[in-house]
Amino acid sequence: MTAYDVEAWHDLFVMTGGAAAALAGLIFVAVSLNHEAILEIAALPALAARTLSILIGLVLLSLVCLAPGQSRVLLGAEVLGIGVALAAIVLTTTIRNIGGADQAQWRVSLIALAIIGSLPAVVAGASLLADVGGGLYWLLVQGITGIIVAVYYGWILLIEIRR
């Protein structure tokens, strides 16, 4: 079945890993260019860390999915481990900064972005281990949402910070 056959997803993981690595490099440049302004606003260093964590998480997920000859169970354990670490970093840095959000809708959006930017990888790992529930399609969700969230955060770190 395609949802659990990692070989069928090879090209997607090559593309996702390469795109995420390129975006991570651009975020490093954005942070370098704006480091003084980022350090002046308490929530922004954590935002930069979340952004890089999501992108590096995508690179690592792509890496383990491209490793040849792994069993579904081993791949599921690797994906679950990366997913749990990613979710822990993203959710922890979000929760630490949630108090700085003035309005309830900002708090909700910060938590929602943290969830959609990190939890699909956890679901993917659990699904691969259980051999039910969508398998690698959850990594497709992780790739799409992770890139969207990271680009949004990158826009804040590069453009919105200068307003």
Foldseek 3Di string as FASTA:
>chain_A
DVLQDLVVCLVVLVVLLVVLVVLLVVLVVLCVVCVVLQVVDVLRVLLSVLLNLLSVLSNQLSVLSNDPDDDLLVNLVSLLVSLVVSLCSQQVSLVVCLVVDDDPVVSVVSNVLSCQQGNLSNVLSVCSNVVDDRHCVSSVSNSVSNVVSSVVSSCCSRPVSVD
